[in-house]
Amino acid sequence: MPKDQIFSSAIKYAGIFSFKDFYEFSFKWLKGEMGLTISEEEYEEKLKGNAKDIKVKWKGTAKVAEYFNFEVGITFEVEGLTEVEINQGGEKIRSNQGKIKIKITGTLIKDPKNQFETTPTMKMWRGIYEKFIIPSRIKQYEDKLVGGCDEYLAQAKAFLDLEGRK
């Protein structure tokens, strides 16, 4: 099962944002827009006085065709997360303040059922199949994965920027 990491990027944000709302937004967006099944691989929280450092790792997977799967890795690294009260339209509401870094990687998995991994001859046929028969389809799925990952980062940045203006 060949895996090709074709996307890797990150964004940073510092300011006011609700981590809980951002967490929910990210989960729903990745599930709804990219069709990923998300599993939380790691959750780590460290207290530093009245602030928290949080690290969350997600793995998202999606079957996009018989021969292709997407695997997306998302990491949230939050530093100095504190609770703050902000004034929104004359009302005081609770939110968070801190720094967050979001990293995302996108991997295209070919032959997820290992149909071409049974014998050396089958491996040779996989090479021929990918190089001469389906190269445009491979490019199409790579572009779709890159587009989805890139769009998630754009939406995450927009969400955080809007939250910070409350």
N, C-alpha and C. Protein backbone atom coordinates (compact mmCIF):
# COMPACT_ATOMS: atom_id res chain seq x y z
N MET A 1 0.85 -1.17 0.00
CA MET A 1 0.00 0.00 0.00
C MET A 1 0.91 1.25 0.00
N PRO A 2 1.18 1.79 -1.18
CA PRO A 2 2.01 2.99 -1.25
C PRO A 2 1.30 4.21 -0.65
N LYS A 3 2.04 4.97 0.13
CA LYS A 3 1.52 6.20 0.72
C LYS A 3 2.39 7.35 0.23
N ASP A 4 1.76 8.39 -0.31
CA ASP A 4 2.49 9.56 -0.78
C ASP A 4 1.97 10.79 -0.04
N GLN A 5 2.81 11.37 0.84
CA GLN A 5 2.42 12.61 1.49
C GLN A 5 2.56 13.72 0.46
N ILE A 6 1.45 14.36 0.14
CA ILE A 6 1.49 15.37 -0.91
C ILE A 6 1.17 16.77 -0.41
N PHE A 7 0.85 16.90 0.88
CA PHE A 7 0.55 18.22 1.42
C PHE A 7 1.05 18.29 2.86
N SER A 8 1.64 19.42 3.19
CA SER A 8 2.06 19.68 4.56
C SER A 8 2.15 21.19 4.73
N SER A 9 1.41 21.71 5.69
CA SER A 9 1.43 23.15 5.93
C SER A 9 0.94 23.43 7.36
N ALA A 10 1.10 24.67 7.77
CA ALA A 10 0.68 25.06 9.13
C ALA A 10 0.32 26.53 9.14
N ILE A 11 -0.51 26.90 10.11
CA ILE A 11 -0.81 28.31 10.37
C ILE A 11 -0.67 28.55 11.87
N LYS A 12 -0.45 29.81 12.21
CA LYS A 12 -0.37 30.20 13.62
C LYS A 12 -1.32 31.36 13.85
N TYR A 13 -1.84 31.41 15.07
CA TYR A 13 -2.72 32.50 15.46
C TYR A 13 -2.48 32.79 16.94
N ALA A 14 -2.49 34.05 17.28
CA ALA A 14 -2.39 34.47 18.68
C ALA A 14 -3.47 35.51 18.93
N GLY A 15 -4.23 35.30 19.99
CA GLY A 15 -5.29 36.26 20.31
C GLY A 15 -6.42 35.59 21.05
N ILE A 16 -7.60 36.17 20.89
CA ILE A 16 -8.79 35.68 21.57
C ILE A 16 -9.55 34.74 20.64
N PHE A 17 -9.87 33.57 21.16
CA PHE A 17 -10.68 32.59 20.43
C PHE A 17 -11.21 31.58 21.43
N SER A 18 -12.34 30.99 21.09
CA SER A 18 -12.89 29.92 21.94
C SER A 18 -12.32 28.61 21.43
N PHE A 19 -11.48 27.97 22.22
CA PHE A 19 -10.88 26.71 21.79
C PHE A 19 -11.96 25.65 21.58
N LYS A 20 -12.94 25.62 22.46
CA LYS A 20 -14.03 24.65 22.34
C LYS A 20 -14.76 24.83 21.01
N ASP A 21 -15.10 26.08 20.67
CA ASP A 21 -15.80 26.36 19.41
C ASP A 21 -14.92 26.02 18.21
N PHE A 22 -13.64 26.34 18.29
CA PHE A 22 -12.73 26.06 17.19
C PHE A 22 -12.57 24.55 16.98
N TYR A 23 -12.47 23.82 18.07
CA TYR A 23 -12.36 22.37 18.03
C TYR A 23 -13.58 21.77 17.32
N GLU A 24 -14.78 22.22 17.73
CA GLU A 24 -16.02 21.74 17.12
C GLU A 24 -16.10 22.13 15.65
N PHE A 25 -15.74 23.39 15.34
CA PHE A 25 -15.75 23.87 13.96
C PHE A 25 -14.86 22.98 13.09
N SER A 26 -13.64 22.72 13.57
CA SER A 26 -12.67 21.93 12.80
C SER A 26 -13.20 20.52 12.55
N PHE A 27 -13.72 19.90 13.59
CA PHE A 27 -14.25 18.54 13.47
C PHE A 27 -15.37 18.49 12.43
N LYS A 28 -16.32 19.42 12.55
CA LYS A 28 -17.47 19.43 11.63
C LYS A 28 -17.05 19.74 10.20
N TRP A 29 -16.11 20.69 10.03
CA TRP A 29 -15.69 21.07 8.69
C TRP A 29 -14.97 19.91 8.01
N LEU A 30 -14.03 19.30 8.71
CA LEU A 30 -13.26 18.20 8.11
C LEU A 30 -14.17 17.00 7.78
N LYS A 31 -15.13 16.75 8.64
CA LYS A 31 -16.07 15.65 8.40
C LYS A 31 -17.03 15.99 7.26
N GLY A 32 -17.58 17.18 7.30
CA GLY A 32 -18.59 17.56 6.31
C GLY A 32 -18.03 17.90 4.94
N GLU A 33 -16.97 18.68 4.89
CA GLU A 33 -16.44 19.15 3.61
C GLU A 33 -15.48 18.17 2.96
N MET A 34 -14.71 17.45 3.74
CA MET A 34 -13.74 16.51 3.17
C MET A 34 -14.19 15.06 3.30
N GLY A 35 -15.28 14.83 4.05
CA GLY A 35 -15.80 13.48 4.20
C GLY A 35 -14.90 12.56 5.02
N LEU A 36 -14.14 13.15 5.94
CA LEU A 36 -13.20 12.36 6.73
C LEU A 36 -13.86 11.73 7.94
N THR A 37 -13.42 10.55 8.30
CA THR A 37 -13.75 9.94 9.57
C THR A 37 -12.59 10.30 10.50
N ILE A 38 -12.89 11.04 11.56
CA ILE A 38 -11.85 11.59 12.44
C ILE A 38 -11.70 10.73 13.69
N SER A 39 -10.45 10.44 14.03
CA SER A 39 -10.18 9.80 15.31
C SER A 39 -9.11 10.62 16.03
N GLU A 40 -9.30 10.76 17.34
CA GLU A 40 -8.33 11.51 18.14
C GLU A 40 -7.23 10.54 18.57
N GLU A 41 -6.04 10.78 18.05
CA GLU A 41 -4.90 9.90 18.32
C GLU A 41 -4.19 10.27 19.62
N GLU A 42 -4.23 11.56 19.97
CA GLU A 42 -3.51 12.02 21.16
C GLU A 42 -4.19 13.27 21.71
N TYR A 43 -4.27 13.36 23.03
CA TYR A 43 -4.72 14.56 23.71
C TYR A 43 -3.84 14.73 24.94
N GLU A 44 -3.16 15.85 25.00
CA GLU A 44 -2.24 16.12 26.11
C GLU A 44 -2.52 17.53 26.62
N GLU A 45 -2.65 17.64 27.92
CA GLU A 45 -2.94 18.95 28.54
C GLU A 45 -1.98 19.16 29.70
N LYS A 46 -1.32 20.30 29.71
CA LYS A 46 -0.41 20.64 30.81
C LYS A 46 -0.84 21.97 31.40
N LEU A 47 -0.94 22.00 32.74
CA LEU A 47 -1.29 23.24 33.42
C LEU A 47 -0.03 24.00 33.78
N LYS A 48 -0.08 25.30 33.53
CA LYS A 48 1.02 26.20 33.88
C LYS A 48 0.39 27.40 34.59
N GLY A 49 0.24 27.29 35.89
CA GLY A 49 -0.44 28.35 36.63
C GLY A 49 -1.91 28.37 36.24
N ASN A 50 -2.40 29.53 35.78
CA ASN A 50 -3.79 29.61 35.35
C ASN A 50 -3.93 29.40 33.84
N ALA A 51 -2.85 29.01 33.18
CA ALA A 51 -2.87 28.77 31.74
C ALA A 51 -2.69 27.29 31.44
N LYS A 52 -3.10 26.89 30.23
CA LYS A 52 -2.96 25.51 29.78
C LYS A 52 -2.19 25.47 28.47
N ASP A 53 -1.41 24.42 28.30
CA ASP A 53 -0.85 24.07 27.01
C ASP A 53 -1.54 22.77 26.60
N ILE A 54 -2.06 22.76 25.38
CA ILE A 54 -2.82 21.60 24.91
C ILE A 54 -2.23 21.14 23.57
N LYS A 55 -2.12 19.84 23.42
CA LYS A 55 -1.71 19.26 22.15
C LYS A 55 -2.71 18.18 21.77
N VAL A 56 -3.28 18.32 20.59
CA VAL A 56 -4.27 17.36 20.10
C VAL A 56 -3.82 16.89 18.72
N LYS A 57 -3.86 15.56 18.53
CA LYS A 57 -3.55 15.00 17.21
C LYS A 57 -4.76 14.21 16.72
N TRP A 58 -5.18 14.54 15.50
CA TRP A 58 -6.27 13.82 14.85
C TRP A 58 -5.75 13.10 13.63
N LYS A 59 -6.42 12.01 13.31
CA LYS A 59 -6.17 11.32 12.05
C LYS A 59 -7.51 11.19 11.36
N GLY A 60 -7.58 11.68 10.15
CA GLY A 60 -8.80 11.59 9.36
C GLY A 60 -8.58 10.71 8.15
N THR A 61 -9.53 9.84 7.87
CA THR A 61 -9.42 8.96 6.72
C THR A 61 -10.70 9.01 5.90
N ALA A 62 -10.54 8.80 4.61
CA ALA A 62 -11.71 8.74 3.73
C ALA A 62 -11.40 7.83 2.55
N LYS A 63 -12.34 6.98 2.23
CA LYS A 63 -12.23 6.17 1.02
C LYS A 63 -12.82 7.01 -0.10
N VAL A 64 -12.00 7.35 -1.10
CA VAL A 64 -12.49 8.23 -2.17
C VAL A 64 -12.72 7.47 -3.47
N ALA A 65 -12.15 6.29 -3.59
CA ALA A 65 -12.37 5.41 -4.75
C ALA A 65 -11.89 4.02 -4.33
N GLU A 66 -12.13 3.05 -5.17
CA GLU A 66 -11.71 1.69 -4.85
C GLU A 66 -10.20 1.59 -4.67
N TYR A 67 -9.47 2.39 -5.43
CA TYR A 67 -8.01 2.30 -5.43
C TYR A 67 -7.34 3.41 -4.62
N PHE A 68 -8.13 4.38 -4.11
CA PHE A 68 -7.55 5.53 -3.42
C PHE A 68 -8.24 5.81 -2.09
N ASN A 69 -7.43 6.14 -1.08
CA ASN A 69 -7.91 6.65 0.20
C ASN A 69 -7.15 7.92 0.53
N PHE A 70 -7.80 8.79 1.30
CA PHE A 70 -7.12 9.97 1.84
C PHE A 70 -6.81 9.70 3.31
N GLU A 71 -5.66 10.18 3.75
CA GLU A 71 -5.32 10.16 5.17
C GLU A 71 -4.81 11.55 5.51
N VAL A 72 -5.47 12.19 6.46
CA VAL A 72 -5.13 13.56 6.83
C VAL A 72 -4.74 13.58 8.30
N GLY A 73 -3.59 14.17 8.59
CA GLY A 73 -3.14 14.33 9.97
C GLY A 73 -3.27 15.79 10.38
N ILE A 74 -3.92 16.04 11.50
CA ILE A 74 -4.12 17.41 11.99
C ILE A 74 -3.59 17.47 13.41
N THR A 75 -2.77 18.48 13.68
CA THR A 75 -2.24 18.69 15.03
C THR A 75 -2.55 20.11 15.46
N PHE A 76 -3.12 20.23 16.66
CA PHE A 76 -3.36 21.53 17.28
C PHE A 76 -2.38 21.65 18.44
N GLU A 77 -1.59 22.70 18.45
CA GLU A 77 -0.70 22.98 19.57
C GLU A 77 -1.10 24.34 20.14
N VAL A 78 -1.64 24.30 21.35
CA VAL A 78 -2.12 25.52 22.00
C VAL A 78 -1.18 25.85 23.15
N GLU A 79 -0.76 27.11 23.22
CA GLU A 79 0.13 27.56 24.30
C GLU A 79 -0.53 28.70 25.06
N GLY A 80 -0.41 28.64 26.37
CA GLY A 80 -0.87 29.74 27.23
C GLY A 80 -2.35 30.03 27.14
N LEU A 81 -3.17 29.00 27.03
CA LEU A 81 -4.61 29.19 26.92
C LEU A 81 -5.18 29.59 28.28
N THR A 82 -5.78 30.75 28.32
CA THR A 82 -6.40 31.24 29.56
C THR A 82 -7.84 31.61 29.27
N GLU A 83 -8.65 31.63 30.33
CA GLU A 83 -10.03 32.08 30.19
C GLU A 83 -10.07 33.58 30.37
N VAL A 84 -10.83 34.25 29.50
CA VAL A 84 -10.99 35.70 29.58
C VAL A 84 -12.47 36.04 29.41
N GLU A 85 -12.82 37.21 29.91
CA GLU A 85 -14.17 37.74 29.68
C GLU A 85 -14.05 38.88 28.71
N ILE A 86 -14.88 38.84 27.66
CA ILE A 86 -14.86 39.93 26.69
C ILE A 86 -16.25 40.54 26.63
N ASN A 87 -16.28 41.77 26.21
CA ASN A 87 -17.53 42.52 26.09
C ASN A 87 -17.99 42.44 24.64
N GLN A 88 -19.14 41.83 24.43
CA GLN A 88 -19.69 41.71 23.08
C GLN A 88 -21.09 42.30 23.07
N GLY A 89 -21.21 43.47 22.47
CA GLY A 89 -22.51 44.13 22.39
C GLY A 89 -23.10 44.44 23.74
N GLY A 90 -22.26 44.83 24.69
CA GLY A 90 -22.73 45.16 26.03
C GLY A 90 -22.86 43.96 26.95
N GLU A 91 -22.67 42.77 26.43
CA GLU A 91 -22.75 41.55 27.23
C GLU A 91 -21.36 41.01 27.47
N LYS A 92 -21.14 40.51 28.66
CA LYS A 92 -19.87 39.88 28.95
C LYS A 92 -19.99 38.38 28.63
N ILE A 93 -19.07 37.90 27.82
CA ILE A 93 -19.07 36.48 27.50
C ILE A 93 -17.68 35.91 27.79
N ARG A 94 -17.65 34.61 28.06
CA ARG A 94 -16.38 33.93 28.35
C ARG A 94 -15.79 33.40 27.05
N SER A 95 -14.49 33.54 26.96
CA SER A 95 -13.76 33.02 25.80
C SER A 95 -12.37 32.61 26.27
N ASN A 96 -11.49 32.38 25.33
CA ASN A 96 -10.12 32.01 25.65
C ASN A 96 -9.15 32.95 24.95
N GLN A 97 -7.96 32.98 25.48
CA GLN A 97 -6.89 33.76 24.86
C GLN A 97 -5.64 32.90 24.89
N GLY A 98 -4.88 32.96 23.81
CA GLY A 98 -3.66 32.18 23.74
C GLY A 98 -3.12 32.12 22.34
N LYS A 99 -2.19 31.21 22.14
CA LYS A 99 -1.58 30.98 20.83
C LYS A 99 -1.95 29.59 20.36
N ILE A 100 -2.19 29.46 19.07
CA ILE A 100 -2.50 28.14 18.51
C ILE A 100 -1.75 27.97 17.19
N LYS A 101 -1.24 26.77 17.02
CA LYS A 101 -0.60 26.40 15.76
C LYS A 101 -1.33 25.17 15.24
N ILE A 102 -1.77 25.23 13.99
CA ILE A 102 -2.48 24.13 13.37
C ILE A 102 -1.60 23.59 12.24
N LYS A 103 -1.27 22.31 12.32
CA LYS A 103 -0.49 21.65 11.27
C LYS A 103 -1.38 20.62 10.59
N ILE A 104 -1.24 20.51 9.28
CA ILE A 104 -2.03 19.52 8.55
C ILE A 104 -1.15 18.86 7.49
N THR A 105 -1.31 17.55 7.37
CA THR A 105 -0.64 16.80 6.32
C THR A 105 -1.69 16.01 5.56
N GLY A 106 -1.48 15.86 4.29
CA GLY A 106 -2.38 15.09 3.45
C GLY A 106 -1.62 13.99 2.73
N THR A 107 -2.10 12.76 2.86
CA THR A 107 -1.44 11.61 2.26
C THR A 107 -2.43 10.88 1.36
N LEU A 108 -1.98 10.58 0.15
CA LEU A 108 -2.78 9.79 -0.78
C LEU A 108 -2.32 8.34 -0.66
N ILE A 109 -3.25 7.46 -0.34
CA ILE A 109 -2.94 6.04 -0.21
C ILE A 109 -3.46 5.35 -1.46
N LYS A 110 -2.56 4.68 -2.15
CA LYS A 110 -2.94 3.92 -3.36
C LYS A 110 -2.96 2.44 -3.00
N ASP A 111 -3.90 1.74 -3.57
CA ASP A 111 -4.06 0.30 -3.34
C ASP A 111 -4.21 -0.02 -1.85
N PRO A 112 -5.21 0.57 -1.17
CA PRO A 112 -5.36 0.36 0.27
C PRO A 112 -5.63 -1.09 0.67
N LYS A 113 -6.13 -1.90 -0.24
CA LYS A 113 -6.42 -3.30 0.08
C LYS A 113 -5.25 -4.22 -0.28
N ASN A 114 -4.13 -3.61 -0.69
CA ASN A 114 -2.93 -4.37 -1.06
C ASN A 114 -3.18 -5.43 -2.12
N GLN A 115 -4.02 -5.12 -3.08
CA GLN A 115 -4.31 -6.07 -4.14
C GLN A 115 -3.10 -6.34 -5.02
N PHE A 116 -2.21 -5.34 -5.14
CA PHE A 116 -1.03 -5.48 -5.98
C PHE A 116 0.21 -5.90 -5.19
N GLU A 117 0.06 -6.23 -3.93
CA GLU A 117 1.21 -6.56 -3.09
C GLU A 117 1.40 -8.06 -2.89
N THR A 118 0.66 -8.86 -3.61
CA THR A 118 0.69 -10.31 -3.37
C THR A 118 1.93 -10.98 -3.92
N THR A 119 2.41 -10.56 -5.08
CA THR A 119 3.60 -11.18 -5.69
C THR A 119 4.46 -10.09 -6.35
N PRO A 120 5.72 -10.39 -6.62
CA PRO A 120 6.55 -9.42 -7.34
C PRO A 120 5.98 -9.04 -8.71
N THR A 121 5.35 -9.99 -9.37
CA THR A 121 4.75 -9.71 -10.68
C THR A 121 3.61 -8.71 -10.53
N MET A 122 2.80 -8.88 -9.49
CA MET A 122 1.69 -7.94 -9.25
C MET A 122 2.22 -6.55 -8.93
N LYS A 123 3.32 -6.47 -8.19
CA LYS A 123 3.93 -5.17 -7.89
C LYS A 123 4.37 -4.49 -9.19
N MET A 124 4.91 -5.26 -10.12
CA MET A 124 5.31 -4.72 -11.41
C MET A 124 4.08 -4.19 -12.15
N TRP A 125 3.00 -4.95 -12.11
CA TRP A 125 1.77 -4.52 -12.78
C TRP A 125 1.22 -3.23 -12.15
N ARG A 126 1.38 -3.10 -10.82
CA ARG A 126 0.93 -1.86 -10.17
C ARG A 126 1.70 -0.67 -10.73
N GLY A 127 3.02 -0.82 -10.88
CA GLY A 127 3.83 0.25 -11.44
C GLY A 127 3.38 0.64 -12.83
N ILE A 128 3.10 -0.36 -13.66
CA ILE A 128 2.62 -0.10 -15.02
C ILE A 128 1.25 0.58 -14.97
N TYR A 129 0.37 0.06 -14.14
CA TYR A 129 -0.98 0.61 -13.99
C TYR A 129 -0.94 2.09 -13.59
N GLU A 130 -0.11 2.41 -12.57
CA GLU A 130 -0.05 3.79 -12.09
C GLU A 130 0.67 4.72 -13.06
N LYS A 131 1.67 4.23 -13.73
CA LYS A 131 2.47 5.09 -14.59
C LYS A 131 1.83 5.34 -15.96
N PHE A 132 1.16 4.31 -16.52
CA PHE A 132 0.68 4.44 -17.88
C PHE A 132 -0.83 4.46 -18.03
N ILE A 133 -1.56 3.89 -17.09
CA ILE A 133 -3.01 3.78 -17.26
C ILE A 133 -3.77 4.85 -16.49
N ILE A 134 -3.36 5.14 -15.23
CA ILE A 134 -4.15 6.07 -14.41
C ILE A 134 -3.38 7.31 -13.91
N PRO A 135 -2.36 7.79 -14.61
CA PRO A 135 -1.64 8.94 -14.04
C PRO A 135 -2.52 10.18 -13.89
N SER A 136 -3.46 10.39 -14.81
CA SER A 136 -4.33 11.57 -14.70
C SER A 136 -5.29 11.44 -13.52
N ARG A 137 -5.72 10.21 -13.23
CA ARG A 137 -6.60 10.01 -12.08
C ARG A 137 -5.84 10.22 -10.77
N ILE A 138 -4.59 9.78 -10.73
CA ILE A 138 -3.75 10.02 -9.54
C ILE A 138 -3.61 11.52 -9.31
N LYS A 139 -3.32 12.26 -10.38
CA LYS A 139 -3.17 13.73 -10.29
C LYS A 139 -4.48 14.37 -9.82
N GLN A 140 -5.60 13.88 -10.31
CA GLN A 140 -6.92 14.40 -9.92
C GLN A 140 -7.15 14.24 -8.41
N TYR A 141 -6.83 13.07 -7.87
CA TYR A 141 -7.04 12.84 -6.44
C TYR A 141 -6.02 13.60 -5.60
N GLU A 142 -4.80 13.74 -6.10
CA GLU A 142 -3.81 14.56 -5.39
C GLU A 142 -4.29 16.01 -5.30
N ASP A 143 -4.79 16.53 -6.42
CA ASP A 143 -5.30 17.91 -6.44
C ASP A 143 -6.49 18.09 -5.50
N LYS A 144 -7.36 17.09 -5.46
CA LYS A 144 -8.53 17.16 -4.57
C LYS A 144 -8.09 17.18 -3.11
N LEU A 145 -7.11 16.36 -2.76
CA LEU A 145 -6.61 16.31 -1.39
C LEU A 145 -5.91 17.61 -1.00
N VAL A 146 -5.06 18.10 -1.88
CA VAL A 146 -4.36 19.37 -1.62
C VAL A 146 -5.38 20.50 -1.48
N GLY A 147 -6.37 20.54 -2.36
CA GLY A 147 -7.40 21.57 -2.29
C GLY A 147 -8.17 21.54 -0.98
N GLY A 148 -8.53 20.34 -0.53
CA GLY A 148 -9.27 20.22 0.74
C GLY A 148 -8.45 20.65 1.93
N CYS A 149 -7.20 20.23 1.98
CA CYS A 149 -6.31 20.61 3.10
C CYS A 149 -6.08 22.12 3.11
N ASP A 150 -5.82 22.67 1.95
CA ASP A 150 -5.57 24.11 1.84
C ASP A 150 -6.82 24.91 2.22
N GLU A 151 -7.97 24.45 1.79
CA GLU A 151 -9.21 25.14 2.11
C GLU A 151 -9.50 25.06 3.61
N TYR A 152 -9.21 23.93 4.24
CA TYR A 152 -9.40 23.83 5.69
C TYR A 152 -8.56 24.89 6.41
N LEU A 153 -7.29 25.02 6.04
CA LEU A 153 -6.43 26.02 6.69
C LEU A 153 -6.98 27.43 6.48
N ALA A 154 -7.48 27.71 5.28
CA ALA A 154 -8.06 29.03 5.01
C ALA A 154 -9.30 29.27 5.88
N GLN A 155 -10.15 28.25 6.00
CA GLN A 155 -11.36 28.38 6.82
C GLN A 155 -11.01 28.49 8.31
N ALA A 156 -10.01 27.74 8.74
CA ALA A 156 -9.58 27.81 10.15
C ALA A 156 -9.05 29.20 10.47
N LYS A 157 -8.24 29.75 9.58
CA LYS A 157 -7.69 31.10 9.78
C LYS A 157 -8.82 32.12 9.82
N ALA A 158 -9.77 32.01 8.91
CA ALA A 158 -10.91 32.93 8.88
C ALA A 158 -11.72 32.81 10.18
N PHE A 159 -11.95 31.60 10.66
CA PHE A 159 -12.69 31.38 11.90
C PHE A 159 -11.98 32.06 13.05
N LEU A 160 -10.68 31.84 13.17
CA LEU A 160 -9.91 32.42 14.28
C LEU A 160 -9.87 33.95 14.18
N ASP A 161 -9.72 34.48 12.98
CA ASP A 161 -9.71 35.94 12.80
C ASP A 161 -11.05 36.54 13.20
N LEU A 162 -12.15 35.89 12.84
CA LEU A 162 -13.48 36.39 13.21
C LEU A 162 -13.71 36.30 14.70
N GLU A 163 -13.30 35.19 15.30
CA GLU A 163 -13.45 35.02 16.75
C GLU A 163 -12.68 36.09 17.50
N GLY A 164 -11.52 36.45 17.01
CA GLY A 164 -10.68 37.44 17.69
C GLY A 164 -11.23 38.85 17.64
N ARG A 165 -12.18 39.08 16.74
CA ARG A 165 -12.76 40.44 16.60
C ARG A 165 -13.98 40.66 17.46
N LYS A 166 -14.40 39.65 18.18
CA LYS A 166 -15.62 39.79 19.01
C LYS A 166 -15.44 40.87 20.05
